[in-house]
Protein backbone atom coordinates (compact mmCIF):
# COMPACT_ATOMS: atom_id res chain seq x y z
CA MET A 1 -6.00 -43.29 -47.25
CA LEU A 2 -6.75 -44.69 -50.80
CA ALA A 3 -10.50 -46.02 -52.16
CA GLN A 4 -9.36 -49.15 -52.30
CA GLN A 5 -7.69 -49.49 -48.80
CA ARG A 6 -10.74 -48.07 -47.21
CA GLN A 7 -13.04 -49.92 -49.33
CA GLN A 8 -11.43 -53.02 -47.82
CA ALA A 9 -11.48 -51.25 -44.37
CA ILE A 10 -14.92 -50.98 -44.68
CA LEU A 11 -16.01 -55.18 -45.64
CA GLU A 12 -13.27 -56.11 -43.05
CA ARG A 13 -15.85 -54.17 -40.26
CA VAL A 14 -18.72 -55.81 -42.17
CA ARG A 15 -17.28 -59.30 -41.92
CA ARG A 16 -16.08 -59.09 -38.16
CA LEU A 17 -19.51 -56.97 -37.13
CA GLY A 18 -22.23 -58.38 -39.62
CA GLY A 19 -22.91 -54.75 -39.94
CA VAL A 20 -21.89 -50.92 -39.99
CA ARG A 21 -23.39 -47.61 -39.92
CA VAL A 22 -22.56 -45.18 -42.50
CA ALA A 23 -21.98 -42.64 -39.31
CA ASP A 24 -19.59 -45.00 -37.19
CA LEU A 25 -17.63 -44.73 -40.91
CA VAL A 26 -17.60 -41.25 -41.31
CA ARG A 27 -16.13 -40.99 -37.70
CA GLU A 28 -13.78 -43.38 -37.93
CA LEU A 29 -11.83 -43.65 -41.10
CA GLY A 30 -12.12 -38.91 -41.94
CA VAL A 31 -14.12 -38.83 -44.31
CA SER A 32 -17.38 -37.28 -45.84
CA ASP A 33 -21.30 -38.85 -45.38
CA MET A 34 -20.92 -38.49 -49.20
CA THR A 35 -17.82 -40.63 -49.59
CA ILE A 36 -18.95 -43.53 -47.16
CA ARG A 37 -21.50 -43.89 -49.26
CA ARG A 38 -20.17 -43.94 -52.43
CA ASP A 39 -17.71 -46.61 -50.86
CA LEU A 40 -20.97 -48.86 -50.07
CA GLU A 41 -22.32 -48.76 -53.43
CA VAL A 42 -19.56 -49.93 -54.31
CA LEU A 43 -18.97 -53.31 -52.01
CA ALA A 44 -22.85 -54.03 -52.87
CA GLU A 45 -22.93 -52.97 -56.64
CA ARG A 46 -20.01 -56.16 -56.74
CA GLY A 47 -21.98 -58.30 -54.08
CA LEU A 48 -19.71 -58.60 -51.62
CA LEU A 49 -22.14 -56.78 -48.62
CA GLU A 50 -25.72 -55.14 -48.63
CA LYS A 51 -26.75 -51.86 -48.76
CA VAL A 52 -29.42 -51.11 -46.04
CA HIS A 53 -31.34 -47.94 -44.34
CA GLY A 54 -28.42 -45.89 -42.65
CA GLY A 55 -25.44 -48.62 -43.34
CA ALA A 56 -24.89 -52.03 -44.95
CA THR A 57 -24.59 -56.00 -43.51
CA ALA A 58 -23.35 -58.43 -44.48
CA LEU A 59 -24.88 -61.06 -47.23
CA GLY A 60 -26.49 -64.32 -46.83
CA PRO A 61 -28.18 -65.38 -44.14
CA GLY A 62 -28.68 -69.52 -43.63
CA SER A 63 -30.64 -71.24 -41.14
CA THR A 64 -26.94 -70.87 -39.01
CA GLU A 65 -25.89 -67.46 -39.98
CA GLU A 66 -25.80 -64.87 -37.17
CA PRO A 67 -25.80 -61.35 -38.44
CA GLY A 68 -23.96 -59.29 -34.75
CA PHE A 69 -26.02 -56.61 -33.47
CA THR A 70 -24.66 -53.74 -35.31
CA ALA A 71 -25.86 -55.55 -38.65
CA LYS A 72 -29.89 -55.85 -37.16
CA SER A 73 -29.97 -53.06 -35.14
CA ALA A 74 -29.57 -51.38 -39.16
CA ARG A 75 -32.61 -53.03 -40.57
CA GLN A 76 -35.86 -51.89 -40.50
CA GLN A 77 -35.59 -49.25 -38.05
CA GLN A 78 -39.02 -47.88 -38.62
CA GLU A 79 -40.45 -50.21 -38.05
CA LYS A 80 -38.67 -51.60 -34.89
CA GLU A 81 -39.42 -48.63 -33.50
CA ALA A 82 -43.50 -49.14 -34.23
CA ILE A 83 -43.89 -52.50 -33.18
CA ALA A 84 -41.97 -51.42 -29.81
CA LYS A 85 -44.00 -48.62 -28.89
CA ARG A 86 -47.51 -50.63 -29.35
CA ALA A 87 -45.94 -53.86 -27.82
CA ALA A 88 -44.88 -51.04 -24.78
CA MET A 89 -49.04 -50.69 -24.48
CA LEU A 90 -48.88 -53.90 -23.40
CA VAL A 91 -46.78 -53.49 -19.78
CA ARG A 92 -48.51 -53.42 -17.07
CA PRO A 93 -46.89 -51.02 -13.92
CA GLY A 94 -46.16 -53.41 -10.87
CA THR A 95 -45.78 -56.43 -13.34
CA ALA A 96 -42.28 -58.81 -14.05
CA VAL A 97 -41.80 -59.53 -17.97
CA ALA A 98 -38.71 -60.84 -19.77
CA LEU A 99 -37.23 -59.69 -22.39
CA SER A 100 -35.03 -62.09 -25.11
CA ALA A 101 -32.26 -61.06 -27.17
CA GLY A 102 -32.64 -59.14 -30.09
CA THR A 103 -32.76 -55.55 -31.69
CA THR A 104 -36.69 -55.21 -31.39
CA THR A 105 -36.84 -55.84 -28.00
CA TRP A 106 -33.92 -53.63 -27.23
CA ALA A 107 -36.15 -50.84 -28.76
CA LEU A 108 -39.09 -52.03 -27.06
CA ALA A 109 -36.79 -51.29 -23.76
CA HIS A 110 -36.46 -47.71 -24.45
CA HIS A 111 -40.08 -47.54 -23.87
CA LEU A 112 -40.07 -49.19 -20.72
CA ILE A 113 -38.45 -47.16 -18.74
CA GLY A 114 -40.84 -45.07 -17.66
CA VAL A 115 -43.18 -47.81 -16.18
CA PRO A 116 -43.07 -47.96 -12.60
CA GLU A 117 -42.61 -51.17 -10.39
CA LEU A 118 -41.41 -52.74 -13.50
CA THR A 119 -38.97 -55.96 -12.71
CA VAL A 120 -37.15 -57.15 -15.47
CA ILE A 121 -35.50 -60.27 -16.84
CA THR A 122 -33.29 -60.25 -19.32
CA ASN A 123 -30.23 -62.60 -21.45
CA SER A 124 -29.67 -59.68 -23.51
CA ILE A 125 -26.79 -57.18 -22.42
CA PRO A 126 -27.64 -54.31 -24.28
CA VAL A 127 -30.99 -54.75 -22.93
CA ALA A 128 -29.51 -54.23 -19.76
CA GLU A 129 -27.73 -51.41 -20.29
CA VAL A 130 -30.70 -49.34 -21.54
CA PHE A 131 -32.25 -50.11 -17.94
CA HIS A 132 -28.59 -49.28 -16.42
CA ARG A 133 -28.96 -46.03 -18.58
CA ASN A 134 -32.01 -45.15 -17.35
CA PRO A 135 -32.00 -45.99 -13.37
CA ARG A 136 -35.27 -46.09 -11.05
CA ALA A 137 -34.93 -46.86 -7.81
CA ASP A 138 -38.40 -48.98 -7.92
CA ARG A 139 -37.23 -50.76 -10.79
CA THR A 140 -35.59 -54.53 -10.43
CA VAL A 141 -33.22 -55.53 -13.40
CA VAL A 142 -32.02 -59.41 -14.08
CA LEU A 143 -29.94 -60.09 -15.85
CA THR A 144 -28.70 -63.87 -16.60
CA GLY A 145 -25.18 -65.06 -16.62
CA GLY A 146 -24.21 -67.46 -19.44
CA VAL A 147 -21.74 -67.44 -22.81
CA ARG A 148 -21.91 -64.61 -24.73
CA THR A 149 -23.76 -64.62 -28.31
CA PRO A 150 -22.64 -63.19 -31.92
CA SER A 151 -26.31 -61.15 -31.04
CA ASP A 152 -25.08 -60.22 -27.78
CA ALA A 153 -27.21 -62.77 -25.80
CA LEU A 154 -25.93 -64.50 -22.55
CA VAL A 155 -27.40 -68.37 -23.30
CA GLY A 156 -25.62 -71.98 -21.88
CA PRO A 157 -25.98 -73.64 -18.73
CA VAL A 158 -25.69 -71.02 -16.36
CA ALA A 159 -28.18 -68.95 -18.09
CA VAL A 160 -30.54 -71.81 -18.22
CA ALA A 161 -30.37 -72.14 -14.69
CA ALA A 162 -31.03 -68.87 -13.61
CA ILE A 163 -34.35 -68.80 -16.01
CA ARG A 164 -35.48 -72.00 -14.91
CA ARG A 165 -36.51 -71.21 -11.28
CA LEU A 166 -38.06 -67.58 -12.31
CA HIS A 167 -41.66 -67.05 -13.00
CA VAL A 168 -42.60 -63.85 -15.41
CA ASP A 169 -46.48 -62.37 -16.12
CA THR A 170 -45.34 -61.94 -20.17
CA LEU A 171 -42.14 -62.68 -21.96
CA PHE A 172 -41.18 -60.47 -25.07
CA LEU A 173 -40.13 -62.87 -27.11
CA GLY A 174 -37.11 -61.57 -29.97
CA VAL A 175 -36.83 -63.84 -33.06
CA HIS A 176 -35.21 -64.75 -36.08
CA GLY A 177 -37.82 -66.08 -38.44
CA MET A 178 -41.47 -67.05 -38.21
CA SER A 179 -43.16 -69.35 -40.42
CA VAL A 180 -46.30 -71.66 -40.33
CA ARG A 181 -43.96 -75.03 -41.31
CA ALA A 182 -41.02 -74.16 -38.22
CA GLY A 183 -42.24 -71.53 -35.65
CA PHE A 184 -40.55 -68.93 -34.01
CA THR A 185 -36.90 -69.87 -35.33
CA THR A 186 -33.07 -68.42 -33.93
CA PRO A 187 -30.05 -69.65 -35.90
CA ASN A 188 -27.87 -70.32 -32.75
CA LEU A 189 -28.61 -73.94 -31.24
CA LEU A 190 -28.05 -72.47 -27.18
CA GLU A 191 -30.24 -69.67 -27.78
CA SER A 192 -33.18 -71.82 -28.67
CA GLU A 193 -32.31 -73.82 -25.59
CA THR A 194 -32.27 -70.02 -23.35
CA ASP A 195 -35.37 -68.99 -24.80
CA ARG A 196 -37.59 -72.29 -24.66
CA GLU A 197 -36.92 -71.63 -20.68
CA LEU A 198 -37.78 -68.03 -20.95
CA VAL A 199 -41.22 -69.20 -22.66
CA ALA A 200 -41.61 -71.62 -20.25
CA ALA A 201 -41.29 -69.36 -17.25
CA ALA A 202 -44.05 -66.71 -18.58
CA SER A 203 -47.31 -66.62 -18.83
CA ARG A 204 -48.32 -64.41 -21.46
CA LEU A 205 -45.79 -65.07 -24.99
CA VAL A 206 -45.53 -61.98 -26.94
CA VAL A 207 -43.60 -61.75 -30.03
CA PRO A 208 -42.26 -58.93 -31.71
CA ALA A 209 -41.10 -59.37 -35.03
CA ASP A 210 -41.19 -57.18 -38.24
CA HIS A 211 -43.08 -58.73 -41.54
CA THR A 212 -38.90 -59.84 -42.82
CA LYS A 213 -39.01 -62.23 -40.17
CA TRP A 214 -41.90 -63.76 -42.04
CA ASN A 215 -40.89 -67.09 -44.13
CA THR A 216 -37.75 -66.76 -42.48
CA VAL A 217 -36.30 -70.26 -40.57
CA GLY A 218 -33.21 -70.37 -38.34
CA ILE A 219 -31.89 -74.02 -37.20
CA SER A 220 -33.91 -74.45 -34.08
CA THR A 221 -37.38 -73.99 -33.23
CA ILE A 222 -37.77 -72.14 -29.92
CA ALA A 223 -42.06 -71.99 -30.35
CA GLU A 224 -44.60 -73.06 -32.53
CA LEU A 225 -46.40 -70.17 -33.97
CA ASP A 226 -49.80 -71.37 -31.56
CA GLU A 227 -48.27 -70.83 -28.95
CA ALA A 228 -48.04 -67.12 -29.19
CA ASP A 229 -50.54 -64.93 -26.95
CA VAL A 230 -49.63 -62.03 -29.12
CA VAL A 231 -47.93 -60.98 -32.22
CA VAL A 232 -47.31 -57.36 -33.11
CA SER A 233 -45.48 -56.91 -36.81
CA ASP A 234 -46.11 -54.16 -38.78
CA ALA A 235 -47.70 -53.02 -41.73
CA GLY A 236 -45.43 -54.23 -44.35
CA LEU A 237 -46.73 -58.18 -43.02
CA PRO A 238 -47.91 -59.97 -46.12
CA GLU A 239 -51.88 -61.28 -46.54
CA GLU A 240 -50.97 -64.55 -46.20
CA ALA A 241 -48.71 -64.25 -42.78
CA ARG A 242 -51.37 -62.14 -41.91
CA THR A 243 -54.53 -65.18 -42.06
CA GLU A 244 -51.83 -67.48 -40.76
CA LEU A 245 -50.84 -65.07 -37.70
CA ALA A 246 -54.92 -64.59 -36.94
CA GLU A 247 -55.43 -67.97 -37.12
CA ARG A 248 -52.62 -69.81 -35.28
CA ALA A 249 -51.80 -67.30 -32.80
CA GLY A 250 -53.89 -65.86 -30.07
CA GLU A 251 -54.02 -62.46 -31.49
CA LEU A 252 -52.39 -60.33 -34.56
CA ILE A 253 -51.56 -56.41 -33.57
CA ILE A 254 -50.55 -54.35 -36.87
CA ALA A 255 -48.45 -51.64 -35.61
CA GLU A 256 -49.65 -47.91 -36.48
CA GLY A 257 -47.50 -45.80 -38.03
CA SER A 258 -45.10 -48.54 -39.56
CA SER A 259 -46.57 -48.86 -42.97
């Protein structure tokens, strides 16, 4: 395959999936790691995609643009892992928790597989899959039905009806953005409706969100900043954001090891 053909194939994958990983492209296209990285550099210089650690994502997020799960999982991996590890410390054995869709909540799920007697409610296919691959006899996992979004969330009337009759101790809410003006937001209207039902079902709202979410605004608000009992973020969170969140949310936690 010529370089031009290979780069076109890469670009098509990015546009279709929202993002790609270098390791996956090496395997799929049968070329070296260096070749793929050089191709991504060329495409980035032409303004056709954005290079990120370990891969590339599509350009230009707007208030209604929703990156795919693969694209989002390639971003801020170190920060998300630190946030997930710290957020997991908020979960006690024998409780009921909900995890909404998102790559940070997906990272969190990996840290909860060892918690005994846990009941997990989720509308995220990848989150449910984490628990499915790591079964425990004393764990119950409820996956809502619904229509699948680009971020692998299940949303819509079926999901809303399933959640409406449930009550959980803690909700870990994945968000697209957070700001003083708009609160916690998502680019998907149906996902916003489903997430609001999760918020209503929870006694405690925890928002695990890395620093890049600050002043990013999706088209629909899920909850206001002051509705969060806890926000868990990373060391890259700017001082302005720390001040606002500390004043408006119940508690702001900065995860260690996220610098």
